[in-house]
């Protein structure tokens, strides 16, 4: 029986934010091709709450001869963000059936602050954000923390994420998993899984 569902944000609760999303935005802000910049190192640091946001853009500005601020970056991310209403409605329906819904997201502090202000984390509990915990998917510690916060067994958790590398540790622990491909598919597959495991019709 599923007692809790964990939602990734980008690519699940939002139709944007999939792998490569940040690199594309940074490249666009600097007027370069995405393959001219490798954001992986600072991406890994910032999503774990390490490193200085302003320092990052100072380095990029010196390298590419432009003046881009973190505020401009966040504004571009938020402008590109496209929430998936039917997935939020699915989460509401799950809560109405007594199933906990949490957010389990790799994200920078500067982006998370704005999403929280917009109310996009409201009604989810727990809200597990990588920058706050110091861990990020696929770090095993992040998954262990999710289980601890939910106070249920791994096999009572369903994780919805758009990346295989983020689903693999969950599956290895015994969690159920759905790979997100579209809002409609997320809703369809979640309803099917809850019908099979909980015998409820959402």
Foldseek 3Di string as FASTA:
>chain_A
DAQAEEEECALEQWVHDPPPRLLCLVCVVLVHDSVVDDCVPVLLQQLLQHDDQQVVQVVVCVVRVHRDGVVNSLVVVVVPTGGDVLSVVLQVVCVVVNHAYEYAYRDGPVNVVVCVVVVVRPPHPPYQGNSVNSDHPPDLVSVVVVCVRVVDALLNYEYEEQDPSRCVSSVVRNHHYDHRDDNVVVSVVVQVVCCVPVVDGD
